[in-house]
């Protein structure tokens, strides 16, 4: 960063984010944010022209099996084990204030 980070700027950013900082926190965050910005400016100075862009550091491939029809459980057998059933479906308690 070309100029040091000021406490006024950090206080302004905090107010924009609706964060209240006491004077001790303002000093703390000004120091730490300054260090972070200094590190980012060092990273910006790296020559990365020969580095190929990537979305992941390791090659990924999905391991999928063939979709083969196999044995299944009958719906009646599953519903027989449920604590509450209505109209051939699992009955669950209402959520988020919904009424049944």
Protein backbone atom coordinates (compact mmCIF):
# COMPACT_ATOMS: atom_id res chain seq x y z
CA UNK A 1 0.00 0.00 0.00
CA UNK A 2 1.41 3.37 -0.96
CA UNK A 3 0.35 5.12 2.24
CA UNK A 4 -0.21 3.72 5.72
CA UNK A 5 -3.73 2.79 6.71
CA UNK A 6 -5.21 5.45 8.99
CA UNK A 7 -7.50 4.93 11.95
CA UNK A 8 -9.94 7.35 10.34
CA UNK A 9 -10.20 5.15 7.27
CA UNK A 10 -10.69 2.01 9.38
CA UNK A 11 -13.36 3.81 11.43
CA UNK A 12 -15.11 4.84 8.20
CA UNK A 13 -15.00 1.30 6.82
CA UNK A 14 -16.33 -0.03 10.14
CA UNK A 15 -19.21 2.47 10.07
CA UNK A 16 -20.08 1.43 6.51
CA UNK A 17 -20.20 -2.19 7.71
CA UNK A 18 -22.28 -1.11 10.73
CA UNK A 19 -19.55 -2.29 13.12
CA UNK A 20 -18.92 -0.32 16.28
CA UNK A 21 -15.27 -0.28 17.35
CA UNK A 22 -13.99 1.08 20.64
CA UNK A 23 -10.65 2.96 20.57
CA UNK A 24 -8.62 -0.15 21.50
CA UNK A 25 -10.25 -2.20 18.75
CA UNK A 26 -9.67 0.62 16.27
CA UNK A 27 -5.92 0.57 17.02
CA UNK A 28 -5.85 -3.25 16.86
CA UNK A 29 -7.69 -3.52 13.54
CA UNK A 30 -5.79 -0.64 11.95
CA UNK A 31 -2.53 -2.44 12.69
CA UNK A 32 -3.73 -5.84 11.52
CA UNK A 33 -5.50 -4.60 8.39
CA UNK A 34 -2.35 -2.67 7.50
CA UNK A 35 -0.31 -5.88 7.71
CA UNK A 36 -2.84 -7.72 5.54
CA UNK A 37 -2.79 -4.99 2.90
CA UNK A 38 1.02 -4.94 2.92
CA UNK A 39 1.06 -8.69 2.30
CA UNK A 40 -1.46 -8.38 -0.54
CA UNK A 41 0.68 -5.69 -2.16
CA UNK A 42 3.65 -8.07 -1.98
CA UNK A 43 1.57 -10.75 -3.72
CA UNK A 44 0.55 -8.27 -6.42
CA UNK A 45 4.23 -7.73 -7.20
CA UNK A 46 4.85 -11.38 -8.11
CA UNK A 47 5.48 -12.28 -11.75
CA UNK A 48 2.82 -14.87 -12.53
CA UNK A 49 2.83 -14.67 -16.33
CA UNK A 50 4.18 -18.21 -16.69
CA UNK A 51 1.80 -19.71 -14.11
CA UNK A 52 -1.17 -21.48 -15.66
CA UNK A 53 -4.55 -20.59 -14.17
CA UNK A 54 -6.31 -23.43 -12.37
CA UNK A 55 -9.50 -23.99 -10.46
CA UNK A 56 -8.07 -26.73 -8.25
CA UNK A 57 -4.48 -27.74 -7.42
CA UNK A 58 -5.12 -31.44 -8.05
CA UNK A 59 -6.78 -33.07 -11.07
CA UNK A 60 -10.29 -34.17 -10.21
CA UNK A 61 -12.42 -36.85 -11.77
CA UNK A 62 -15.78 -38.18 -10.71
CA UNK A 63 -15.89 -41.84 -9.81
CA UNK A 64 -19.29 -43.02 -10.94
CA UNK A 65 -20.76 -46.47 -11.08
CA UNK A 66 -23.15 -47.71 -13.73
CA UNK A 67 -26.79 -46.97 -12.97
CA UNK A 68 -28.11 -50.50 -12.52
CA UNK A 69 -31.54 -51.42 -11.19
CA UNK A 70 -31.23 -53.41 -7.99
CA UNK A 71 -33.40 -54.70 -5.17
CA UNK A 72 -35.53 -52.11 -3.41
CA UNK A 73 -37.67 -51.92 -0.30
CA UNK A 74 -41.42 -51.87 -0.69
CA UNK A 75 -42.99 -48.53 0.39
CA UNK A 76 -45.40 -50.32 2.74
CA UNK A 77 -42.45 -51.94 4.56
CA UNK A 78 -40.76 -48.59 5.09
CA UNK A 79 -43.97 -46.82 6.15
CA UNK A 80 -44.71 -49.61 8.63
CA UNK A 81 -41.56 -48.60 10.53
CA UNK A 82 -42.38 -44.85 10.58
CA UNK A 83 -43.65 -43.31 13.82
CA UNK A 84 -46.43 -41.38 12.03
CA UNK A 85 -47.95 -41.95 8.57
CA UNK A 86 -50.78 -40.20 6.72
CA UNK A 87 -52.10 -40.98 3.22
CA UNK A 88 -49.15 -43.26 2.39
CA UNK A 89 -46.54 -40.62 3.34
CA UNK A 90 -44.33 -39.87 6.33
CA UNK A 91 -45.99 -37.39 8.65
CA UNK A 92 -43.62 -34.91 10.26
CA UNK A 93 -44.18 -32.10 12.74
CA UNK A 94 -44.81 -28.65 11.26
CA UNK A 95 -41.87 -26.25 11.14
CA UNK A 96 -41.43 -22.49 11.09
CA UNK A 97 -44.85 -21.87 12.62
CA UNK A 98 -46.74 -23.65 9.84
CA UNK A 99 -50.01 -25.28 10.76
CA UNK A 100 -50.91 -28.74 9.55
